[in-house]
């Protein structure tokens, strides 16, 4: 990896700051979005409810991406999928 393509990722949570060095800059935005979605899923689990099938499909796509990227465990994925499908 060429040095110009590496950066630093800072995560701010509850007054704490964590840094990850040597992050591939082309993946930072995707990583940050996955983290944001995971935080939303944990802090607002009731917001996944909707009666629209299109919304359900979108929600399922999001949790599949979270699972595939390692943000959600298989157990968390199954739980969230069940919530979405049983709305």
PDB file of N, CA and C in Angstrom:
ATOM      1  N   UNK A   1       0.856  -1.170   0.000  1.00  0.00           N
ATOM      2  CA  UNK A   1       0.000   0.000   0.000  1.00  0.00           C
ATOM      3  C   UNK A   1       0.901   1.232   0.000  1.00  0.00           C
ATOM      4  N   UNK A   2       0.613   2.177  -0.849  1.00  0.00           N
ATOM      5  CA  UNK A   2       1.388   3.413  -0.946  1.00  0.00           C
ATOM      6  C   UNK A   2       1.032   4.321   0.222  1.00  0.00           C
ATOM      7  N   UNK A   3       2.034   4.908   0.843  1.00  0.00           N
ATOM      8  CA  UNK A   3       1.840   5.708   2.047  1.00  0.00           C
ATOM      9  C   UNK A   3       0.776   6.790   1.888  1.00  0.00           C
ATOM     10  N   UNK A   4       0.638   7.428   0.742  1.00  0.00           N
ATOM     11  CA  UNK A   4      -0.341   8.478   0.524  1.00  0.00           C
ATOM     12  C   UNK A   4      -1.775   7.989   0.588  1.00  0.00           C
ATOM     13  N   UNK A   5      -1.961   6.688   0.510  1.00  0.00           N
ATOM     14  CA  UNK A   5      -3.300   6.111   0.546  1.00  0.00           C
ATOM     15  C   UNK A   5      -3.700   5.627   1.928  1.00  0.00           C
ATOM     16  N   UNK A   6      -2.850   5.861   2.897  1.00  0.00           N
ATOM     17  CA  UNK A   6      -3.148   5.457   4.265  1.00  0.00           C
ATOM     18  C   UNK A   6      -3.457   6.684   5.105  1.00  0.00           C
ATOM     19  N   UNK A   7      -4.397   6.525   6.008  1.00  0.00           N
ATOM     20  CA  UNK A   7      -4.753   7.631   6.871  1.00  0.00           C
ATOM     21  C   UNK A   7      -5.028   7.158   8.276  1.00  0.00           C
ATOM     22  N   UNK A   8      -5.593   8.042   9.076  1.00  0.00           N
ATOM     23  CA  UNK A   8      -5.922   7.746  10.459  1.00  0.00           C
ATOM     24  C   UNK A   8      -7.424   7.888  10.628  1.00  0.00           C
ATOM     25  N   UNK A   9      -8.033   6.937  11.324  1.00  0.00           N
ATOM     26  CA  UNK A   9      -9.461   6.974  11.601  1.00  0.00           C
ATOM     27  C   UNK A   9      -9.643   7.231  13.084  1.00  0.00           C
ATOM     28  N   UNK A  10     -10.421   8.273  13.408  1.00  0.00           N
ATOM     29  CA  UNK A  10     -10.696   8.589  14.810  1.00  0.00           C
ATOM     30  C   UNK A  10     -12.160   8.306  15.088  1.00  0.00           C
ATOM     31  N   UNK A  11     -12.419   7.640  16.201  1.00  0.00           N
ATOM     32  CA  UNK A  11     -13.779   7.317  16.611  1.00  0.00           C
ATOM     33  C   UNK A  11     -14.039   8.006  17.938  1.00  0.00           C
ATOM     34  N   UNK A  12     -15.068   8.878  17.961  1.00  0.00           N
ATOM     35  CA  UNK A  12     -15.446   9.624  19.156  1.00  0.00           C
ATOM     36  C   UNK A  12     -16.692   8.988  19.752  1.00  0.00           C
ATOM     37  N   UNK A  13     -16.601   8.522  21.001  1.00  0.00           N
ATOM     38  CA  UNK A  13     -17.767   7.943  21.677  1.00  0.00           C
ATOM     39  C   UNK A  13     -17.745   8.327  23.145  1.00  0.00           C
ATOM     40  N   UNK A  14     -18.828   8.866  23.618  1.00  0.00           N
ATOM     41  CA  UNK A  14     -19.001   9.198  25.038  1.00  0.00           C
ATOM     42  C   UNK A  14     -17.782   9.857  25.661  1.00  0.00           C
ATOM     43  N   UNK A  15     -17.207  10.819  24.971  1.00  0.00           N
ATOM     44  CA  UNK A  15     -16.060  11.535  25.511  1.00  0.00           C
ATOM     45  C   UNK A  15     -14.726  10.838  25.307  1.00  0.00           C
ATOM     46  N   UNK A  16     -14.727   9.648  24.733  1.00  0.00           N
ATOM     47  CA  UNK A  16     -13.482   8.928  24.459  1.00  0.00           C
ATOM     48  C   UNK A  16     -13.145   9.035  22.978  1.00  0.00           C
ATOM     49  N   UNK A  17     -11.856   9.055  22.679  1.00  0.00           N
ATOM     50  CA  UNK A  17     -11.409   9.089  21.300  1.00  0.00           C
ATOM     51  C   UNK A  17     -10.442   7.930  21.082  1.00  0.00           C
ATOM     52  N   UNK A  18     -10.764   7.108  20.094  1.00  0.00           N
ATOM     53  CA  UNK A  18      -9.878   6.013  19.709  1.00  0.00           C
ATOM     54  C   UNK A  18      -9.361   6.287  18.309  1.00  0.00           C
ATOM     55  N   UNK A  19      -8.114   5.945  18.054  1.00  0.00           N
ATOM     56  CA  UNK A  19      -7.522   6.154  16.737  1.00  0.00           C
ATOM     57  C   UNK A  19      -7.042   4.835  16.168  1.00  0.00           C
ATOM     58  N   UNK A  20      -7.236   4.695  14.876  1.00  0.00           N
ATOM     59  CA  UNK A  20      -6.712   3.538  14.144  1.00  0.00           C
ATOM     60  C   UNK A  20      -5.826   4.120  13.056  1.00  0.00           C
ATOM     61  N   UNK A  21      -4.551   3.768  13.077  1.00  0.00           N
ATOM     62  CA  UNK A  21      -3.588   4.274  12.109  1.00  0.00           C
ATOM     63  C   UNK A  21      -3.504   3.357  10.894  1.00  0.00           C
ATOM     64  N   UNK A  22      -2.976   3.900   9.809  1.00  0.00           N
ATOM     65  CA  UNK A  22      -2.709   3.159   8.578  1.00  0.00           C
ATOM     66  C   UNK A  22      -3.959   2.504   7.995  1.00  0.00           C
ATOM     67  N   UNK A  23      -5.027   3.290   7.905  1.00  0.00           N
ATOM     68  CA  UNK A  23      -6.284   2.825   7.331  1.00  0.00           C
ATOM     69  C   UNK A  23      -6.291   3.158   5.840  1.00  0.00           C
ATOM     70  N   UNK A  24      -6.698   2.204   5.029  1.00  0.00           N
ATOM     71  CA  UNK A  24      -6.825   2.411   3.590  1.00  0.00           C
ATOM     72  C   UNK A  24      -7.902   3.467   3.358  1.00  0.00           C
ATOM     73  N   UNK A  25      -7.514   4.618   2.816  1.00  0.00           N
ATOM     74  CA  UNK A  25      -8.436   5.743   2.660  1.00  0.00           C
ATOM     75  C   UNK A  25      -9.631   5.402   1.772  1.00  0.00           C
ATOM     76  N   UNK A  26      -9.484   4.451   0.875  1.00  0.00           N
ATOM     77  CA  UNK A  26     -10.604   4.099   0.001  1.00  0.00           C
ATOM     78  C   UNK A  26     -11.689   3.333   0.739  1.00  0.00           C
ATOM     79  N   UNK A  27     -11.392   2.833   1.936  1.00  0.00           N
ATOM     80  CA  UNK A  27     -12.361   2.049   2.701  1.00  0.00           C
ATOM     81  C   UNK A  27     -12.930   2.780   3.912  1.00  0.00           C
ATOM     82  N   UNK A  28     -12.413   3.959   4.218  1.00  0.00           N
ATOM     83  CA  UNK A  28     -12.806   4.674   5.433  1.00  0.00           C
ATOM     84  C   UNK A  28     -14.289   5.024   5.433  1.00  0.00           C
ATOM     85  N   UNK A  29     -14.807   5.569   4.350  1.00  0.00           N
ATOM     86  CA  UNK A  29     -16.211   5.983   4.308  1.00  0.00           C
ATOM     87  C   UNK A  29     -17.133   4.783   4.525  1.00  0.00           C
ATOM     88  N   UNK A  30     -16.846   3.668   3.851  1.00  0.00           N
ATOM     89  CA  UNK A  30     -17.653   2.449   4.020  1.00  0.00           C
ATOM     90  C   UNK A  30     -17.601   1.957   5.469  1.00  0.00           C
ATOM     91  N   UNK A  31     -16.415   1.967   6.051  1.00  0.00           N
ATOM     92  CA  UNK A  31     -16.256   1.530   7.431  1.00  0.00           C
ATOM     93  C   UNK A  31     -17.046   2.429   8.373  1.00  0.00           C
ATOM     94  N   UNK A  32     -16.923   3.742   8.194  1.00  0.00           N
ATOM     95  CA  UNK A  32     -17.624   4.690   9.059  1.00  0.00           C
ATOM     96  C   UNK A  32     -19.137   4.517   8.946  1.00  0.00           C
ATOM     97  N   UNK A  33     -19.639   4.305   7.744  1.00  0.00           N
ATOM     98  CA  UNK A  33     -21.083   4.108   7.555  1.00  0.00           C
ATOM     99  C   UNK A  33     -21.546   2.822   8.248  1.00  0.00           C
ATOM    100  N   UNK A  34     -20.763   1.777   8.151  1.00  0.00           N
ATOM    101  CA  UNK A  34     -21.111   0.523   8.829  1.00  0.00           C
ATOM    102  C   UNK A  34     -21.137   0.690  10.340  1.00  0.00           C
ATOM    103  N   UNK A  35     -20.187   1.429  10.878  1.00  0.00           N
ATOM    104  CA  UNK A  35     -20.161   1.691  12.321  1.00  0.00           C
ATOM    105  C   UNK A  35     -21.391   2.506  12.726  1.00  0.00           C
ATOM    106  N   UNK A  36     -21.715   3.533  11.936  1.00  0.00           N
ATOM    107  CA  UNK A  36     -22.879   4.368  12.228  1.00  0.00           C
ATOM    108  C   UNK A  36     -24.164   3.534  12.223  1.00  0.00           C
ATOM    109  N   UNK A  37     -24.318   2.661  11.249  1.00  0.00           N
ATOM    110  CA  UNK A  37     -25.508   1.806  11.176  1.00  0.00           C
ATOM    111  C   UNK A  37     -25.581   0.856  12.367  1.00  0.00           C
ATOM    112  N   UNK A  38     -24.449   0.332  12.784  1.00  0.00           N
ATOM    113  CA  UNK A  38     -24.410  -0.575  13.938  1.00  0.00           C
ATOM    114  C   UNK A  38     -24.824   0.165  15.206  1.00  0.00           C
ATOM    115  N   UNK A  39     -24.308   1.372  15.380  1.00  0.00           N
ATOM    116  CA  UNK A  39     -24.660   2.164  16.563  1.00  0.00           C
ATOM    117  C   UNK A  39     -26.148   2.472  16.559  1.00  0.00           C
ATOM    118  N   UNK A  40     -26.692   2.842  15.404  1.00  0.00           N
ATOM    119  CA  UNK A  40     -28.127   3.107  15.309  1.00  0.00           C
ATOM    120  C   UNK A  40     -28.948   1.865  15.629  1.00  0.00           C
ATOM    121  N   UNK A  41     -28.527   0.716  15.124  1.00  0.00           N
ATOM    122  CA  UNK A  41     -29.264  -0.525  15.350  1.00  0.00           C
ATOM    123  C   UNK A  41     -29.289  -0.886  16.833  1.00  0.00           C
ATOM    124  N   UNK A  42     -28.206  -0.614  17.530  1.00  0.00           N
ATOM    125  CA  UNK A  42     -28.131  -0.933  18.951  1.00  0.00           C
ATOM    126  C   UNK A  42     -28.879   0.092  19.796  1.00  0.00           C
ATOM    127  N   UNK A  43     -28.745   1.371  19.458  1.00  0.00           N
ATOM    128  CA  UNK A  43     -29.334   2.406  20.295  1.00  0.00           C
ATOM    129  C   UNK A  43     -30.802   2.686  19.989  1.00  0.00           C
ATOM    130  N   UNK A  44     -31.287   2.284  18.817  1.00  0.00           N
ATOM    131  CA  UNK A  44     -32.675   2.542  18.446  1.00  0.00           C
ATOM    132  C   UNK A  44     -33.306   1.304  17.803  1.00  0.00           C
ATOM    133  N   UNK A  45     -33.372   0.186  18.500  1.00  0.00           N
ATOM    134  CA  UNK A  45     -33.871  -1.042  17.873  1.00  0.00           C
ATOM    135  C   UNK A  45     -35.330  -0.956  17.442  1.00  0.00           C
ATOM    136  N   UNK A  46     -36.155  -0.143  18.081  1.00  0.00           N
ATOM    137  CA  UNK A  46     -37.572  -0.057  17.719  1.00  0.00           C
ATOM    138  C   UNK A  46     -37.812   0.715  16.430  1.00  0.00           C
ATOM    139  N   UNK A  47     -36.822   1.436  15.950  1.00  0.00           N
ATOM    140  CA  UNK A  47     -36.996   2.205  14.729  1.00  0.00           C
ATOM    141  C   UNK A  47     -36.960   1.344  13.476  1.00  0.00           C
ATOM    142  N   UNK A  48     -36.686   0.048  13.612  1.00  0.00           N
ATOM    143  CA  UNK A  48     -36.673  -0.827  12.451  1.00  0.00           C
ATOM    144  C   UNK A  48     -38.081  -1.181  11.988  1.00  0.00           C
ATOM    145  N   UNK A  49     -39.112  -0.817  12.758  1.00  0.00           N
ATOM    146  CA  UNK A  49     -40.482  -1.183  12.424  1.00  0.00           C
ATOM    147  C   UNK A  49     -41.001  -0.325  11.270  1.00  0.00           C
ATOM    148  N   UNK A  50     -41.636  -0.997  10.315  1.00  0.00           N
ATOM    149  CA  UNK A  50     -42.298  -0.321   9.202  1.00  0.00           C
ATOM    150  C   UNK A  50     -43.254  -1.288   8.550  1.00  0.00           C
ATOM    151  N   UNK A  51     -44.308  -0.772   7.925  1.00  0.00           N
ATOM    152  CA  UNK A  51     -45.267  -1.641   7.268  1.00  0.00           C
ATOM    153  C   UNK A  51     -44.990  -1.754   5.776  1.00  0.00           C
ATOM    154  N   UNK A  52     -44.094  -0.975   5.261  1.00  0.00           N
ATOM    155  CA  UNK A  52     -43.790  -0.952   3.843  1.00  0.00           C
ATOM    156  C   UNK A  52     -42.805  -2.056   3.484  1.00  0.00           C
ATOM    157  N   UNK A  53     -43.181  -2.948   2.529  1.00  0.00           N
ATOM    158  CA  UNK A  53     -42.304  -4.054   2.133  1.00  0.00           C
ATOM    159  C   UNK A  53     -40.997  -3.566   1.535  1.00  0.00           C
ATOM    160  N   UNK A  54     -41.028  -2.441   0.835  1.00  0.00           N
ATOM    161  CA  UNK A  54     -39.810  -1.876   0.274  1.00  0.00           C
ATOM    162  C   UNK A  54     -38.843  -1.478   1.383  1.00  0.00           C
ATOM    163  N   UNK A  55     -39.380  -0.886   2.444  1.00  0.00           N
ATOM    164  CA  UNK A  55     -38.548  -0.522   3.585  1.00  0.00           C
ATOM    165  C   UNK A  55     -37.960  -1.767   4.240  1.00  0.00           C
ATOM    166  N   UNK A  56     -38.751  -2.826   4.333  1.00  0.00           N
ATOM    167  CA  UNK A  56     -38.249  -4.075   4.914  1.00  0.00           C
ATOM    168  C   UNK A  56     -37.076  -4.598   4.100  1.00  0.00           C
ATOM    169  N   UNK A  57     -37.220  -4.560   2.788  1.00  0.00           N
ATOM    170  CA  UNK A  57     -36.136  -5.031   1.927  1.00  0.00           C
ATOM    171  C   UNK A  57     -34.887  -4.195   2.138  1.00  0.00           C
ATOM    172  N   UNK A  58     -35.044  -2.870   2.200  1.00  0.00           N
ATOM    173  CA  UNK A  58     -33.899  -1.984   2.444  1.00  0.00           C
ATOM    174  C   UNK A  58     -33.236  -2.287   3.788  1.00  0.00           C
ATOM    175  N   UNK A  59     -34.059  -2.522   4.805  1.00  0.00           N
ATOM    176  CA  UNK A  59     -33.530  -2.839   6.130  1.00  0.00           C
ATOM    177  C   UNK A  59     -32.772  -4.162   6.107  1.00  0.00           C
ATOM    178  N   UNK A  60     -33.314  -5.143   5.402  1.00  0.00           N
ATOM    179  CA  UNK A  60     -32.629  -6.438   5.303  1.00  0.00           C
ATOM    180  C   UNK A  60     -31.295  -6.295   4.586  1.00  0.00           C
ATOM    181  N   UNK A  61     -31.254  -5.486   3.533  1.00  0.00           N
ATOM    182  CA  UNK A  61     -29.995  -5.250   2.825  1.00  0.00           C
ATOM    183  C   UNK A  61     -28.949  -4.652   3.760  1.00  0.00           C
ATOM    184  N   UNK A  62     -29.381  -3.692   4.583  1.00  0.00           N
ATOM    185  CA  UNK A  62     -28.448  -3.040   5.505  1.00  0.00           C
ATOM    186  C   UNK A  62     -27.873  -4.020   6.516  1.00  0.00           C
ATOM    187  N   UNK A  63     -28.731  -4.863   7.092  1.00  0.00           N
ATOM    188  CA  UNK A  63     -28.196  -5.774   8.111  1.00  0.00           C
ATOM    189  C   UNK A  63     -27.350  -6.881   7.484  1.00  0.00           C
ATOM    190  N   UNK A  64     -27.634  -7.238   6.229  1.00  0.00           N
ATOM    191  CA  UNK A  64     -26.770  -8.206   5.535  1.00  0.00           C
ATOM    192  C   UNK A  64     -25.381  -7.604   5.368  1.00  0.00           C
ATOM    193  N   UNK A  65     -25.319  -6.317   4.970  1.00  0.00           N
ATOM    194  CA  UNK A  65     -24.023  -5.641   4.822  1.00  0.00           C
ATOM    195  C   UNK A  65     -23.294  -5.568   6.164  1.00  0.00           C
ATOM    196  N   UNK A  66     -24.038  -5.266   7.226  1.00  0.00           N
ATOM    197  CA  UNK A  66     -23.419  -5.199   8.558  1.00  0.00           C
ATOM    198  C   UNK A  66     -22.867  -6.554   8.973  1.00  0.00           C
ATOM    199  N   UNK A  67     -23.624  -7.611   8.700  1.00  0.00           N
ATOM    200  CA  UNK A  67     -23.153  -8.962   9.042  1.00  0.00           C
ATOM    201  C   UNK A  67     -21.932  -9.319   8.210  1.00  0.00           C
ATOM    202  N   UNK A  68     -22.012  -9.074   6.898  1.00  0.00           N
ATOM    203  CA  UNK A  68     -20.914  -9.434   6.004  1.00  0.00           C
ATOM    204  C   UNK A  68     -19.635  -8.667   6.296  1.00  0.00           C
ATOM    205  N   UNK A  69     -19.776  -7.453   6.836  1.00  0.00           N
ATOM    206  CA  UNK A  69     -18.590  -6.662   7.170  1.00  0.00           C
ATOM    207  C   UNK A  69     -18.076  -6.949   8.582  1.00  0.00           C
ATOM    208  N   UNK A  70     -18.783  -7.812   9.314  1.00  0.00           N
ATOM    209  CA  UNK A  70     -18.329  -8.179  10.649  1.00  0.00           C
ATOM    210  C   UNK A  70     -18.829  -7.269  11.750  1.00  0.00           C
ATOM    211  N   UNK A  71     -19.662  -6.297  11.424  1.00  0.00           N
ATOM    212  CA  UNK A  71     -20.189  -5.375  12.428  1.00  0.00           C
ATOM    213  C   UNK A  71     -21.236  -6.075  13.286  1.00  0.00           C
ATOM    214  N   UNK A  72     -22.117  -6.859  12.646  1.00  0.00           N
ATOM    215  CA  UNK A  72     -23.111  -7.656  13.373  1.00  0.00           C
ATOM    216  C   UNK A  72     -22.638  -9.103  13.457  1.00  0.00           C
ATOM    217  N   UNK A  73     -22.820  -9.711  14.602  1.00  0.00           N
ATOM    218  CA  UNK A  73     -22.566 -11.147  14.713  1.00  0.00           C
ATOM    219  C   UNK A  73     -23.714 -11.893  14.048  1.00  0.00           C
ATOM    220  N   UNK A  74     -23.546 -13.183  13.812  1.00  0.00           N
ATOM    221  CA  UNK A  74     -24.611 -13.975  13.214  1.00  0.00           C
ATOM    222  C   UNK A  74     -25.856 -13.956  14.096  1.00  0.00           C
ATOM    223  N   UNK A  75     -25.669 -13.996  15.416  1.00  0.00           N
ATOM    224  CA  UNK A  75     -26.797 -13.970  16.344  1.00  0.00           C
ATOM    225  C   UNK A  75     -27.540 -12.638  16.266  1.00  0.00           C
ATOM    226  N   UNK A  76     -26.789 -11.529  16.225  1.00  0.00           N
ATOM    227  CA  UNK A  76     -27.412 -10.210  16.104  1.00  0.00           C
ATOM    228  C   UNK A  76     -28.156 -10.076  14.780  1.00  0.00           C
ATOM    229  N   UNK A  77     -27.540 -10.616  13.723  1.00  0.00           N
ATOM    230  CA  UNK A  77     -28.177 -10.576  12.409  1.00  0.00           C
ATOM    231  C   UNK A  77     -29.511 -11.320  12.435  1.00  0.00           C
ATOM    232  N   UNK A  78     -29.522 -12.522  12.992  1.00  0.00           N
ATOM    233  CA  UNK A  78     -30.747 -13.322  13.057  1.00  0.00           C
ATOM    234  C   UNK A  78     -31.819 -12.599  13.864  1.00  0.00           C
ATOM    235  N   UNK A  79     -31.414 -11.984  14.965  1.00  0.00           N
ATOM    236  CA  UNK A  79     -32.361 -11.246  15.807  1.00  0.00           C
ATOM    237  C   UNK A  79     -32.967 -10.063  15.051  1.00  0.00           C
ATOM    238  N   UNK A  80     -32.110  -9.285  14.383  1.00  0.00           N
ATOM    239  CA  UNK A  80     -32.598  -8.126  13.638  1.00  0.00           C
ATOM    240  C   UNK A  80     -33.464  -8.559  12.453  1.00  0.00           C
ATOM    241  N   UNK A  81     -33.058  -9.621  11.781  1.00  0.00           N
ATOM    242  CA  UNK A  81     -33.837 -10.126  10.641  1.00  0.00           C
ATOM    243  C   UNK A  81     -35.216 -10.550  11.109  1.00  0.00           C
ATOM    244  N   UNK A  82     -35.283 -11.226  12.232  1.00  0.00           N
ATOM    245  CA  UNK A  82     -36.562 -11.671  12.777  1.00  0.00           C
ATOM    246  C   UNK A  82     -37.456 -10.470  13.105  1.00  0.00           C
ATOM    247  N   UNK A  83     -36.879  -9.422  13.697  1.00  0.00           N
ATOM    248  CA  UNK A  83     -37.641  -8.209  14.010  1.00  0.00           C
ATOM    249  C   UNK A  83     -38.221  -7.583  12.751  1.00  0.00           C
ATOM    250  N   UNK A  84     -37.414  -7.516  11.702  1.00  0.00           N
ATOM    251  CA  UNK A  84     -37.844  -6.902  10.448  1.00  0.00           C
ATOM    252  C   UNK A  84     -38.980  -7.725   9.814  1.00  0.00           C
ATOM    253  N   UNK A  85     -38.784  -9.016   9.743  1.00  0.00           N
ATOM    254  CA  UNK A  85     -39.752  -9.873   9.058  1.00  0.00           C
ATOM    255  C   UNK A  85     -41.049 -10.033   9.832  1.00  0.00           C
ATOM    256  N   UNK A  86     -41.017  -9.854  11.147  1.00  0.00           N
ATOM    257  CA  UNK A  86     -42.219 -10.032  11.957  1.00  0.00           C
ATOM    258  C   UNK A  86     -42.971  -8.732  12.236  1.00  0.00           C
ATOM    259  N   UNK A  87     -42.636  -7.681  11.546  1.00  0.00           N
ATOM    260  CA  UNK A  87     -43.309  -6.392  11.737  1.00  0.00           C
ATOM    261  C   UNK A  87     -44.705  -6.453  11.156  1.00  0.00           C
TER     262      UNK A  87
END
